[in-house]
Amino acid sequence: MNKEKRYKILSLFFMKYPEPKTDLVFTSDFELLLSVMLSAQSTDLMVNKITKKLFQIANTPEKILLLGTKGLKHYIKGIGLYNIKSSNIIETAFLLLTKYNGNIPNNRIELESLPGVGRKTANIILNILFKKKTIAVDTHVFRVSNRTNFATGKNVKVVEKKLIKVVPNVFKLFVHSWFVWHGKHICTARKIKCHICLIFELCEFKNK
């Protein structure tokens, strides 16, 4: 895909969704971090269902630690990988309190040093909380980027690298949210809704 077509696609998204937001429901930095950690191999809908009850009881590092691993598991057992997630969340809460005064680190190295926080999670936190021009590549972003021919690659790291290179700075803050929304609602894994696609004329998917 050429530079001009990419710019037109991003312009269309900007005009349609000038202020895109994550589907995750949160009211604090810590709540967002936990929500993103819980979202691995799960849907935002399920995470919101879990956190709606959890955050009423524990929504700070201190309260999470008071719950303990067993107590936390009780609230998140309906989500995938809840055993490892509960351990990671407890360890992360401890580190945030003892090392970062309860605050979420605003740089990649420190974020990725937290248990259960990988590159994708760090990118989302940096993007949403700290307005960094990072582009997290999840399954939706990966699918939309490859299918449309916007930025192709065999793995998420390659696609992320290409997106960072080809997306103009003015759009970098929003690309993740746009592509996630598009991948969830239009350019889905199976029943693709090409007939109502915002970028149908510009998309280079051969089977559209």
N, C-alpha and C. Protein backbone atom coordinates (compact mmCIF):
# COMPACT_ATOMS: atom_id res chain seq x y z
N MET A 1 0.84 -1.19 0.00
CA MET A 1 0.00 0.00 0.00
C MET A 1 0.87 1.25 0.00
N ASN A 2 0.49 2.23 -0.81
CA ASN A 2 1.32 3.43 -0.90
C ASN A 2 0.98 4.45 0.19
N LYS A 3 1.85 5.41 0.31
CA LYS A 3 1.76 6.43 1.36
C LYS A 3 0.46 7.23 1.27
N GLU A 4 0.07 7.59 0.07
CA GLU A 4 -1.13 8.40 -0.13
C GLU A 4 -2.39 7.67 0.33
N LYS A 5 -2.47 6.38 0.00
CA LYS A 5 -3.65 5.60 0.37
C LYS A 5 -3.72 5.41 1.89
N ARG A 6 -2.59 5.18 2.51
CA ARG A 6 -2.56 5.05 3.97
C ARG A 6 -3.07 6.33 4.64
N TYR A 7 -2.63 7.47 4.11
CA TYR A 7 -3.03 8.75 4.69
C TYR A 7 -4.54 8.95 4.55
N LYS A 8 -5.09 8.56 3.43
CA LYS A 8 -6.53 8.68 3.21
C LYS A 8 -7.31 7.81 4.18
N ILE A 9 -6.81 6.58 4.40
CA ILE A 9 -7.46 5.66 5.33
C ILE A 9 -7.47 6.25 6.74
N LEU A 10 -6.33 6.73 7.19
CA LEU A 10 -6.23 7.28 8.53
C LEU A 10 -7.06 8.56 8.67
N SER A 11 -7.15 9.32 7.62
CA SER A 11 -7.97 10.54 7.64
C SER A 11 -9.45 10.20 7.79
N LEU A 12 -9.89 9.13 7.13
CA LEU A 12 -11.27 8.70 7.24
C LEU A 12 -11.59 8.26 8.67
N PHE A 13 -10.66 7.51 9.27
CA PHE A 13 -10.85 7.09 10.66
C PHE A 13 -10.90 8.31 11.59
N PHE A 14 -10.03 9.27 11.33
CA PHE A 14 -9.98 10.46 12.17
C PHE A 14 -11.29 11.26 12.08
N MET A 15 -11.82 11.37 10.90
CA MET A 15 -13.07 12.11 10.73
C MET A 15 -14.25 11.38 11.38
N LYS A 16 -14.21 10.05 11.35
CA LYS A 16 -15.30 9.25 11.92
C LYS A 16 -15.16 9.11 13.44
N TYR A 17 -13.92 8.90 13.91
CA TYR A 17 -13.68 8.69 15.34
C TYR A 17 -12.51 9.57 15.80
N PRO A 18 -12.74 10.86 15.96
CA PRO A 18 -11.66 11.79 16.32
C PRO A 18 -11.09 11.56 17.72
N GLU A 19 -11.89 10.98 18.61
CA GLU A 19 -11.42 10.72 19.97
C GLU A 19 -11.75 9.28 20.37
N PRO A 20 -11.06 8.32 19.77
CA PRO A 20 -11.34 6.91 20.07
C PRO A 20 -10.97 6.55 21.50
N LYS A 21 -11.74 5.65 22.10
CA LYS A 21 -11.48 5.23 23.48
C LYS A 21 -11.51 3.71 23.58
N THR A 22 -10.79 3.20 24.56
CA THR A 22 -10.79 1.77 24.80
C THR A 22 -12.14 1.32 25.33
N ASP A 23 -12.50 0.06 25.07
CA ASP A 23 -13.75 -0.49 25.58
C ASP A 23 -13.64 -0.88 27.06
N LEU A 24 -12.41 -0.93 27.57
CA LEU A 24 -12.21 -1.28 28.97
C LEU A 24 -12.73 -0.16 29.86
N VAL A 25 -13.42 -0.55 30.94
CA VAL A 25 -13.99 0.43 31.87
C VAL A 25 -13.05 0.61 33.06
N PHE A 26 -12.58 1.83 33.27
CA PHE A 26 -11.65 2.10 34.38
C PHE A 26 -11.80 3.54 34.85
N THR A 27 -11.41 3.80 36.10
CA THR A 27 -11.49 5.15 36.65
C THR A 27 -10.16 5.62 37.22
N SER A 28 -9.12 4.79 37.09
CA SER A 28 -7.79 5.18 37.59
C SER A 28 -6.72 4.49 36.77
N ASP A 29 -5.50 4.96 36.89
CA ASP A 29 -4.37 4.36 36.17
C ASP A 29 -4.21 2.90 36.56
N PHE A 30 -4.32 2.62 37.85
CA PHE A 30 -4.13 1.25 38.33
C PHE A 30 -5.24 0.34 37.80
N GLU A 31 -6.46 0.83 37.76
CA GLU A 31 -7.55 0.03 37.22
C GLU A 31 -7.32 -0.32 35.76
N LEU A 32 -6.80 0.64 34.99
CA LEU A 32 -6.52 0.34 33.58
C LEU A 32 -5.43 -0.72 33.47
N LEU A 33 -4.37 -0.58 34.25
CA LEU A 33 -3.28 -1.56 34.20
C LEU A 33 -3.81 -2.96 34.49
N LEU A 34 -4.60 -3.10 35.54
CA LEU A 34 -5.16 -4.41 35.86
C LEU A 34 -6.07 -4.92 34.75
N SER A 35 -6.88 -4.04 34.20
CA SER A 35 -7.80 -4.45 33.13
C SER A 35 -7.04 -4.97 31.92
N VAL A 36 -5.97 -4.28 31.54
CA VAL A 36 -5.18 -4.70 30.39
C VAL A 36 -4.47 -6.01 30.68
N MET A 37 -3.97 -6.17 31.90
CA MET A 37 -3.32 -7.43 32.28
C MET A 37 -4.32 -8.59 32.22
N LEU A 38 -5.55 -8.34 32.63
CA LEU A 38 -6.58 -9.38 32.62
C LEU A 38 -7.07 -9.69 31.21
N SER A 39 -6.89 -8.75 30.28
CA SER A 39 -7.46 -8.90 28.94
C SER A 39 -6.70 -9.87 28.04
N ALA A 40 -5.53 -10.31 28.46
CA ALA A 40 -4.76 -11.26 27.65
C ALA A 40 -5.57 -12.52 27.40
N GLN A 41 -5.77 -12.86 26.15
CA GLN A 41 -6.54 -14.04 25.74
C GLN A 41 -7.96 -14.02 26.31
N SER A 42 -8.52 -12.82 26.39
CA SER A 42 -9.88 -12.68 26.86
C SER A 42 -10.50 -11.46 26.17
N THR A 43 -11.80 -11.31 26.27
CA THR A 43 -12.48 -10.17 25.64
C THR A 43 -12.64 -9.02 26.63
N ASP A 44 -12.73 -7.81 26.09
CA ASP A 44 -12.95 -6.64 26.94
C ASP A 44 -14.27 -6.76 27.69
N LEU A 45 -15.26 -7.37 27.05
CA LEU A 45 -16.57 -7.55 27.67
C LEU A 45 -16.46 -8.41 28.93
N MET A 46 -15.71 -9.49 28.83
CA MET A 46 -15.51 -10.37 29.99
C MET A 46 -14.70 -9.68 31.08
N VAL A 47 -13.68 -8.94 30.66
CA VAL A 47 -12.85 -8.22 31.64
C VAL A 47 -13.70 -7.21 32.40
N ASN A 48 -14.52 -6.46 31.70
CA ASN A 48 -15.36 -5.46 32.35
C ASN A 48 -16.35 -6.11 33.33
N LYS A 49 -16.82 -7.28 32.97
CA LYS A 49 -17.73 -8.01 33.85
C LYS A 49 -17.03 -8.41 35.14
N ILE A 50 -15.78 -8.85 35.00
CA ILE A 50 -14.98 -9.26 36.16
C ILE A 50 -14.61 -8.06 37.03
N THR A 51 -14.11 -7.00 36.38
CA THR A 51 -13.60 -5.85 37.13
C THR A 51 -14.72 -5.03 37.78
N LYS A 52 -15.93 -5.12 37.24
CA LYS A 52 -17.05 -4.39 37.84
C LYS A 52 -17.24 -4.81 39.30
N LYS A 53 -17.08 -6.09 39.57
CA LYS A 53 -17.18 -6.60 40.94
C LYS A 53 -15.88 -6.44 41.71
N LEU A 54 -14.76 -6.73 41.03
CA LEU A 54 -13.45 -6.65 41.69
C LEU A 54 -13.13 -5.25 42.19
N PHE A 55 -13.35 -4.25 41.33
CA PHE A 55 -12.96 -2.88 41.68
C PHE A 55 -13.82 -2.28 42.80
N GLN A 56 -14.98 -2.86 43.05
CA GLN A 56 -15.79 -2.41 44.18
C GLN A 56 -15.15 -2.83 45.50
N ILE A 57 -14.37 -3.89 45.44
CA ILE A 57 -13.71 -4.42 46.64
C ILE A 57 -12.24 -3.99 46.71
N ALA A 58 -11.57 -4.06 45.57
CA ALA A 58 -10.13 -3.75 45.55
C ALA A 58 -9.74 -3.10 44.23
N ASN A 59 -9.39 -1.81 44.29
CA ASN A 59 -8.99 -1.10 43.07
C ASN A 59 -7.72 -0.27 43.26
N THR A 60 -6.95 -0.62 44.29
CA THR A 60 -5.65 0.01 44.54
C THR A 60 -4.64 -1.09 44.84
N PRO A 61 -3.36 -0.81 44.70
CA PRO A 61 -2.35 -1.83 45.03
C PRO A 61 -2.49 -2.35 46.46
N GLU A 62 -2.78 -1.43 47.40
CA GLU A 62 -2.93 -1.84 48.80
C GLU A 62 -4.08 -2.82 48.98
N LYS A 63 -5.21 -2.51 48.39
CA LYS A 63 -6.40 -3.37 48.56
C LYS A 63 -6.23 -4.71 47.85
N ILE A 64 -5.53 -4.70 46.72
CA ILE A 64 -5.26 -5.96 46.01
C ILE A 64 -4.39 -6.86 46.87
N LEU A 65 -3.38 -6.28 47.52
CA LEU A 65 -2.51 -7.07 48.38
C LEU A 65 -3.27 -7.63 49.58
N LEU A 66 -4.20 -6.85 50.10
CA LEU A 66 -5.01 -7.33 51.22
C LEU A 66 -5.90 -8.51 50.82
N LEU A 67 -6.32 -8.52 49.57
CA LEU A 67 -7.11 -9.65 49.06
C LEU A 67 -6.28 -10.92 49.07
N GLY A 68 -5.02 -10.79 48.67
CA GLY A 68 -4.15 -11.95 48.56
C GLY A 68 -4.45 -12.75 47.30
N THR A 69 -3.60 -13.67 46.99
CA THR A 69 -3.76 -14.46 45.76
C THR A 69 -5.07 -15.25 45.75
N LYS A 70 -5.38 -15.87 46.88
CA LYS A 70 -6.59 -16.68 46.97
C LYS A 70 -7.84 -15.81 46.81
N GLY A 71 -7.86 -14.67 47.47
CA GLY A 71 -9.01 -13.78 47.39
C GLY A 71 -9.18 -13.21 45.99
N LEU A 72 -8.05 -12.88 45.34
CA LEU A 72 -8.09 -12.34 43.98
C LEU A 72 -8.61 -13.37 43.00
N LYS A 73 -8.17 -14.60 43.16
CA LYS A 73 -8.63 -15.68 42.29
C LYS A 73 -10.14 -15.84 42.33
N HIS A 74 -10.71 -15.61 43.50
CA HIS A 74 -12.16 -15.73 43.66
C HIS A 74 -12.90 -14.77 42.72
N TYR A 75 -12.34 -13.58 42.52
CA TYR A 75 -13.00 -12.57 41.68
C TYR A 75 -12.71 -12.72 40.19
N ILE A 76 -11.55 -13.30 39.87
CA ILE A 76 -11.18 -13.37 38.44
C ILE A 76 -11.20 -14.78 37.87
N LYS A 77 -11.76 -15.73 38.63
CA LYS A 77 -11.72 -17.13 38.19
C LYS A 77 -12.52 -17.39 36.92
N GLY A 78 -13.39 -16.45 36.54
CA GLY A 78 -14.17 -16.63 35.33
C GLY A 78 -13.42 -16.25 34.06
N ILE A 79 -12.18 -15.83 34.23
CA ILE A 79 -11.39 -15.36 33.08
C ILE A 79 -10.26 -16.34 32.78
N GLY A 80 -9.82 -16.39 31.54
CA GLY A 80 -8.75 -17.31 31.15
C GLY A 80 -7.43 -17.01 31.84
N LEU A 81 -6.68 -18.07 32.13
CA LEU A 81 -5.36 -17.96 32.74
C LEU A 81 -5.40 -17.24 34.10
N TYR A 82 -6.48 -17.41 34.83
CA TYR A 82 -6.65 -16.65 36.07
C TYR A 82 -5.60 -16.99 37.14
N ASN A 83 -5.06 -18.19 37.12
CA ASN A 83 -4.05 -18.55 38.11
C ASN A 83 -2.78 -17.72 37.96
N ILE A 84 -2.24 -17.69 36.75
CA ILE A 84 -1.01 -16.93 36.52
C ILE A 84 -1.28 -15.43 36.60
N LYS A 85 -2.46 -15.02 36.16
CA LYS A 85 -2.81 -13.60 36.21
C LYS A 85 -2.91 -13.10 37.65
N SER A 86 -3.49 -13.91 38.51
CA SER A 86 -3.62 -13.50 39.91
C SER A 86 -2.25 -13.35 40.56
N SER A 87 -1.35 -14.28 40.28
CA SER A 87 0.00 -14.20 40.83
C SER A 87 0.73 -12.95 40.32
N ASN A 88 0.62 -12.70 39.01
CA ASN A 88 1.27 -11.53 38.42
C ASN A 88 0.72 -10.22 38.98
N ILE A 89 -0.59 -10.15 39.17
CA ILE A 89 -1.21 -8.93 39.69
C ILE A 89 -0.77 -8.67 41.13
N ILE A 90 -0.71 -9.70 41.93
CA ILE A 90 -0.26 -9.54 43.32
C ILE A 90 1.19 -9.05 43.36
N GLU A 91 2.06 -9.66 42.56
CA GLU A 91 3.47 -9.25 42.51
C GLU A 91 3.62 -7.83 41.99
N THR A 92 2.82 -7.50 40.97
CA THR A 92 2.88 -6.15 40.40
C THR A 92 2.41 -5.11 41.42
N ALA A 93 1.34 -5.41 42.14
CA ALA A 93 0.84 -4.49 43.17
C ALA A 93 1.91 -4.25 44.24
N PHE A 94 2.61 -5.30 44.61
CA PHE A 94 3.68 -5.17 45.62
C PHE A 94 4.81 -4.28 45.10
N LEU A 95 5.21 -4.50 43.86
CA LEU A 95 6.29 -3.69 43.28
C LEU A 95 5.88 -2.23 43.12
N LEU A 96 4.65 -2.00 42.73
CA LEU A 96 4.18 -0.62 42.57
C LEU A 96 4.23 0.13 43.90
N LEU A 97 3.89 -0.56 44.97
CA LEU A 97 3.90 0.08 46.29
C LEU A 97 5.32 0.29 46.82
N THR A 98 6.15 -0.73 46.68
CA THR A 98 7.49 -0.67 47.29
C THR A 98 8.52 0.07 46.44
N LYS A 99 8.31 0.07 45.13
CA LYS A 99 9.32 0.66 44.24
C LYS A 99 8.87 1.95 43.58
N TYR A 100 7.56 2.10 43.35
CA TYR A 100 7.08 3.25 42.58
C TYR A 100 6.06 4.11 43.33
N ASN A 101 6.01 3.95 44.65
CA ASN A 101 5.13 4.77 45.49
C ASN A 101 3.67 4.68 45.06
N GLY A 102 3.30 3.52 44.53
CA GLY A 102 1.92 3.29 44.13
C GLY A 102 1.56 3.82 42.76
N ASN A 103 2.52 4.43 42.07
CA ASN A 103 2.26 5.01 40.75
C ASN A 103 2.64 4.04 39.64
N ILE A 104 2.03 4.23 38.47
CA ILE A 104 2.35 3.42 37.30
C ILE A 104 3.54 4.05 36.58
N PRO A 105 4.60 3.28 36.33
CA PRO A 105 5.77 3.82 35.62
C PRO A 105 5.39 4.35 34.23
N ASN A 106 6.06 5.41 33.80
CA ASN A 106 5.71 6.01 32.50
C ASN A 106 6.74 5.73 31.42
N ASN A 107 7.50 4.65 31.59
CA ASN A 107 8.46 4.28 30.54
C ASN A 107 8.43 2.77 30.33
N ARG A 108 8.80 2.37 29.12
CA ARG A 108 8.68 0.97 28.71
C ARG A 108 9.51 0.02 29.57
N ILE A 109 10.74 0.36 29.86
CA ILE A 109 11.63 -0.55 30.59
C ILE A 109 11.05 -0.91 31.96
N GLU A 110 10.59 0.11 32.69
CA GLU A 110 10.04 -0.16 34.02
C GLU A 110 8.69 -0.87 33.94
N LEU A 111 7.89 -0.51 32.96
CA LEU A 111 6.60 -1.19 32.80
C LEU A 111 6.79 -2.67 32.51
N GLU A 112 7.70 -2.98 31.59
CA GLU A 112 7.91 -4.37 31.20
C GLU A 112 8.64 -5.18 32.27
N SER A 113 9.14 -4.50 33.30
CA SER A 113 9.77 -5.21 34.42
C SER A 113 8.72 -5.73 35.40
N LEU A 114 7.48 -5.26 35.25
CA LEU A 114 6.40 -5.71 36.12
C LEU A 114 5.89 -7.08 35.65
N PRO A 115 5.67 -8.01 36.57
CA PRO A 115 5.19 -9.36 36.20
C PRO A 115 3.87 -9.29 35.44
N GLY A 116 3.81 -9.96 34.31
CA GLY A 116 2.59 -10.00 33.53
C GLY A 116 2.41 -8.83 32.57
N VAL A 117 3.39 -7.94 32.54
CA VAL A 117 3.31 -6.80 31.62
C VAL A 117 4.32 -7.00 30.49
N GLY A 118 3.80 -7.33 29.31
CA GLY A 118 4.65 -7.52 28.14
C GLY A 118 4.64 -6.27 27.27
N ARG A 119 5.16 -6.39 26.10
CA ARG A 119 5.28 -5.24 25.20
C ARG A 119 3.93 -4.66 24.81
N LYS A 120 2.97 -5.53 24.51
CA LYS A 120 1.65 -5.05 24.09
C LYS A 120 0.99 -4.26 25.22
N THR A 121 1.00 -4.82 26.43
CA THR A 121 0.41 -4.14 27.58
C THR A 121 1.10 -2.81 27.84
N ALA A 122 2.43 -2.82 27.78
CA ALA A 122 3.20 -1.58 28.00
C ALA A 122 2.83 -0.52 26.96
N ASN A 123 2.69 -0.94 25.71
CA ASN A 123 2.32 0.00 24.64
C ASN A 123 0.95 0.63 24.89
N ILE A 124 0.01 -0.19 25.35
CA ILE A 124 -1.34 0.32 25.63
C ILE A 124 -1.31 1.33 26.77
N ILE A 125 -0.60 1.00 27.83
CA ILE A 125 -0.50 1.90 28.99
C ILE A 125 0.18 3.21 28.60
N LEU A 126 1.28 3.12 27.88
CA LEU A 126 2.00 4.32 27.45
C LEU A 126 1.14 5.18 26.54
N ASN A 127 0.36 4.53 25.70
CA ASN A 127 -0.49 5.24 24.74
C ASN A 127 -1.68 5.92 25.42
N ILE A 128 -2.40 5.18 26.24
CA ILE A 128 -3.63 5.70 26.84
C ILE A 128 -3.36 6.63 28.03
N LEU A 129 -2.49 6.21 28.93
CA LEU A 129 -2.25 7.00 30.14
C LEU A 129 -1.29 8.16 29.94
N PHE A 130 -0.25 7.91 29.14
CA PHE A 130 0.81 8.91 29.03
C PHE A 130 0.91 9.56 27.66
N LYS A 131 -0.08 9.25 26.79
CA LYS A 131 -0.18 9.88 25.47
C LYS A 131 1.10 9.73 24.64
N LYS A 132 1.75 8.58 24.80
CA LYS A 132 2.93 8.28 23.99
C LYS A 132 2.48 7.73 22.64
N LYS A 133 3.24 7.99 21.61
CA LYS A 133 2.85 7.56 20.26
C LYS A 133 3.32 6.13 19.98
N THR A 134 2.89 5.24 20.88
CA THR A 134 3.17 3.81 20.71
C THR A 134 1.98 3.16 20.01
N ILE A 135 2.22 2.04 19.36
CA ILE A 135 1.15 1.33 18.67
C ILE A 135 1.17 -0.13 19.11
N ALA A 136 0.24 -0.47 19.97
CA ALA A 136 0.14 -1.85 20.45
C ALA A 136 -0.51 -2.70 19.36
N VAL A 137 0.07 -3.86 19.11
CA VAL A 137 -0.46 -4.75 18.07
C VAL A 137 -1.05 -6.00 18.73
N ASP A 138 -2.38 -6.04 18.81
CA ASP A 138 -3.06 -7.24 19.29
C ASP A 138 -3.60 -8.01 18.09
N THR A 139 -4.47 -8.98 18.32
CA THR A 139 -4.97 -9.79 17.21
C THR A 139 -5.76 -8.95 16.20
N HIS A 140 -6.51 -7.96 16.69
CA HIS A 140 -7.31 -7.12 15.80
C HIS A 140 -6.42 -6.23 14.93
N VAL A 141 -5.48 -5.58 15.56
CA VAL A 141 -4.56 -4.69 14.82
C VAL A 141 -3.74 -5.49 13.82
N PHE A 142 -3.30 -6.67 14.23
CA PHE A 142 -2.52 -7.55 13.36
C PHE A 142 -3.33 -7.97 12.14
N ARG A 143 -4.58 -8.36 12.36
CA ARG A 143 -5.46 -8.80 11.27
C ARG A 143 -5.78 -7.66 10.31
N VAL A 144 -6.18 -6.52 10.84
CA VAL A 144 -6.55 -5.38 9.99
C VAL A 144 -5.34 -4.89 9.19
N SER A 145 -4.19 -4.81 9.83
CA SER A 145 -2.97 -4.35 9.15
C SER A 145 -2.60 -5.25 7.99
N ASN A 146 -2.67 -6.56 8.21
CA ASN A 146 -2.29 -7.52 7.17
C ASN A 146 -3.36 -7.65 6.10
N ARG A 147 -4.62 -7.76 6.52
CA ARG A 147 -5.70 -8.00 5.56
C ARG A 147 -5.86 -6.84 4.58
N THR A 148 -5.76 -5.62 5.08
CA THR A 148 -5.93 -4.44 4.22
C THR A 148 -4.68 -4.12 3.42
N ASN A 149 -3.56 -4.77 3.81
CA ASN A 149 -2.24 -4.51 3.21
C ASN A 149 -1.65 -3.17 3.68
N PHE A 150 -2.19 -2.66 4.78
CA PHE A 150 -1.71 -1.38 5.34
C PHE A 150 -0.28 -1.53 5.84
N ALA A 151 -0.02 -2.62 6.58
CA ALA A 151 1.32 -2.91 7.08
C ALA A 151 1.37 -4.41 7.33
N THR A 152 2.09 -5.13 6.51
CA THR A 152 2.09 -6.59 6.58
C THR A 152 3.30 -7.13 7.34
N GLY A 153 3.09 -8.31 7.92
CA GLY A 153 4.18 -8.94 8.65
C GLY A 153 3.73 -10.28 9.21
N LYS A 154 4.69 -11.19 9.42
CA LYS A 154 4.36 -12.53 9.90
C LYS A 154 4.15 -12.59 11.40
N ASN A 155 4.58 -11.57 12.13
CA ASN A 155 4.37 -11.55 13.58
C ASN A 155 4.10 -10.12 14.05
N VAL A 156 3.68 -9.99 15.29
CA VAL A 156 3.26 -8.68 15.81
C VAL A 156 4.41 -7.67 15.87
N LYS A 157 5.61 -8.15 16.13
CA LYS A 157 6.74 -7.23 16.22
C LYS A 157 7.05 -6.58 14.87
N VAL A 158 6.96 -7.38 13.82
CA VAL A 158 7.21 -6.86 12.47
C VAL A 158 6.14 -5.85 12.10
N VAL A 159 4.88 -6.18 12.40
CA VAL A 159 3.77 -5.27 12.07
C VAL A 159 3.89 -3.98 12.87
N GLU A 160 4.23 -4.09 14.15
CA GLU A 160 4.40 -2.88 14.98
C GLU A 160 5.50 -1.98 14.42
N LYS A 161 6.60 -2.59 14.06
CA LYS A 161 7.73 -1.83 13.50
C LYS A 161 7.33 -1.10 12.22
N LYS A 162 6.56 -1.79 11.37
CA LYS A 162 6.12 -1.18 10.11
C LYS A 162 5.12 -0.06 10.36
N LEU A 163 4.21 -0.27 11.30
CA LEU A 163 3.21 0.76 11.61
C LEU A 163 3.88 2.03 12.13
N ILE A 164 4.83 1.85 13.01
CA ILE A 164 5.57 3.00 13.55
C ILE A 164 6.26 3.77 12.43
N LYS A 165 6.70 3.04 11.42
CA LYS A 165 7.42 3.65 10.30
C LYS A 165 6.49 4.36 9.32
N VAL A 166 5.34 3.77 9.02
CA VAL A 166 4.49 4.30 7.94
C VAL A 166 3.35 5.22 8.41
N VAL A 167 3.00 5.15 9.69
CA VAL A 167 1.91 6.00 10.19
C VAL A 167 2.45 7.40 10.52
N PRO A 168 1.89 8.44 9.93
CA PRO A 168 2.33 9.81 10.24
C PRO A 168 2.14 10.12 11.73
N ASN A 169 3.02 10.93 12.29
CA ASN A 169 2.99 11.25 13.71
C ASN A 169 1.63 11.75 14.18
N VAL A 170 0.96 12.50 13.34
CA VAL A 170 -0.32 13.10 13.72
C VAL A 170 -1.38 12.05 14.02
N PHE A 171 -1.20 10.83 13.49
CA PHE A 171 -2.19 9.76 13.69
C PHE A 171 -1.73 8.68 14.67
N LYS A 172 -0.46 8.67 15.05
CA LYS A 172 0.09 7.56 15.84
C LYS A 172 -0.64 7.31 17.15
N LEU A 173 -1.12 8.36 17.77
CA LEU A 173 -1.77 8.22 19.07
C LEU A 173 -3.08 7.44 18.99
N PHE A 174 -3.69 7.40 17.79
CA PHE A 174 -5.03 6.83 17.65
C PHE A 174 -5.10 5.51 16.90
N VAL A 175 -4.04 5.14 16.20
CA VAL A 175 -4.09 3.98 15.30
C VAL A 175 -4.51 2.70 16.01
N HIS A 176 -3.96 2.44 17.18
CA HIS A 176 -4.30 1.22 17.91
C HIS A 176 -5.81 1.15 18.15
N SER A 177 -6.39 2.20 18.69
CA SER A 177 -7.82 2.22 18.99
C SER A 177 -8.67 2.09 17.74
N TRP A 178 -8.27 2.77 16.66
CA TRP A 178 -9.03 2.68 15.40
C TRP A 178 -9.05 1.27 14.86
N PHE A 179 -7.87 0.65 14.78
CA PHE A 179 -7.77 -0.69 14.21
C PHE A 179 -8.42 -1.75 15.10
N VAL A 180 -8.35 -1.56 16.41
CA VAL A 180 -9.03 -2.49 17.32
C VAL A 180 -10.54 -2.42 17.09
N TRP A 181 -11.08 -1.20 17.05
CA TRP A 181 -12.51 -1.03 16.82
C TRP A 181 -12.91 -1.64 15.48
N HIS A 182 -12.13 -1.36 14.45
CA HIS A 182 -12.43 -1.86 13.11
C HIS A 182 -12.37 -3.39 13.07
N GLY A 183 -11.39 -3.96 13.75
CA GLY A 183 -11.25 -5.41 13.79
C GLY A 183 -12.35 -6.10 14.57
N LYS A 184 -12.88 -5.42 15.58
CA LYS A 184 -13.95 -6.00 16.39
C LYS A 184 -15.31 -5.94 15.69
N HIS A 185 -15.56 -4.84 14.99
CA HIS A 185 -16.90 -4.59 14.49
C HIS A 185 -17.09 -4.74 12.98
N ILE A 186 -16.04 -4.54 12.21
CA ILE A 186 -16.16 -4.58 10.74
C ILE A 186 -15.27 -5.66 10.12
N CYS A 187 -13.99 -5.51 10.30
CA CYS A 187 -13.01 -6.42 9.70
C CYS A 187 -12.74 -7.58 10.66
N THR A 188 -13.80 -8.32 10.95
CA THR A 188 -13.74 -9.40 11.94
C THR A 188 -13.03 -10.63 11.39
N ALA A 189 -12.74 -11.55 12.28
CA ALA A 189 -12.00 -12.75 11.88
C ALA A 189 -12.78 -13.60 10.88
N ARG A 190 -14.12 -13.65 11.03
CA ARG A 190 -14.92 -14.50 10.15
C ARG A 190 -15.90 -13.71 9.29
N LYS A 191 -17.01 -13.30 9.84
CA LYS A 191 -18.04 -12.63 9.04
C LYS A 191 -17.68 -11.16 8.79
N ILE A 192 -16.86 -10.94 7.78
CA ILE A 192 -16.38 -9.58 7.47
C ILE A 192 -17.53 -8.74 6.91
N LYS A 193 -17.67 -7.53 7.41
CA LYS A 193 -18.76 -6.64 6.98
C LYS A 193 -18.25 -5.61 5.97
N CYS A 194 -17.78 -6.09 4.84
CA CYS A 194 -17.23 -5.19 3.81
C CYS A 194 -18.28 -4.21 3.29
N HIS A 195 -19.54 -4.60 3.32
CA HIS A 195 -20.60 -3.76 2.76
C HIS A 195 -20.84 -2.47 3.56
N ILE A 196 -20.35 -2.42 4.81
CA ILE A 196 -20.49 -1.19 5.60
C ILE A 196 -19.12 -0.66 6.05
N CYS A 197 -18.08 -1.08 5.35
CA CYS A 197 -16.72 -0.71 5.73
C CYS A 197 -16.40 0.73 5.31
N LEU A 198 -15.86 1.46 6.26
CA LEU A 198 -15.49 2.87 6.05
C LEU A 198 -14.41 3.03 4.99
N ILE A 199 -13.52 2.03 4.90
CA ILE A 199 -12.36 2.15 4.00
C ILE A 199 -12.41 1.15 2.85
N PHE A 200 -13.61 0.72 2.49
CA PHE A 200 -13.78 -0.31 1.46
C PHE A 200 -13.05 0.03 0.16
N GLU A 201 -13.19 1.24 -0.32
CA GLU A 201 -12.61 1.64 -1.60
C GLU A 201 -11.08 1.67 -1.56
N LEU A 202 -10.52 1.82 -0.37
CA LEU A 202 -9.05 1.95 -0.23
C LEU A 202 -8.39 0.65 0.19
N CYS A 203 -9.17 -0.24 0.78
CA CYS A 203 -8.65 -1.52 1.26
C CYS A 203 -8.12 -2.36 0.09
N GLU A 204 -7.02 -3.08 0.31
CA GLU A 204 -6.43 -3.91 -0.75
C GLU A 204 -6.62 -5.40 -0.51
N PHE A 205 -7.60 -5.76 0.32
CA PHE A 205 -7.92 -7.16 0.56
C PHE A 205 -8.48 -7.78 -0.71
N LYS A 206 -7.88 -8.83 -1.19
CA LYS A 206 -8.25 -9.42 -2.48
C LYS A 206 -9.65 -10.03 -2.49
N ASN A 207 -10.11 -10.50 -1.33
CA ASN A 207 -11.41 -11.17 -1.26
C ASN A 207 -12.51 -10.29 -0.70
N LYS A 208 -12.33 -9.00 -0.74
CA LYS A 208 -13.36 -8.11 -0.19
C LYS A 208 -14.61 -8.09 -1.06
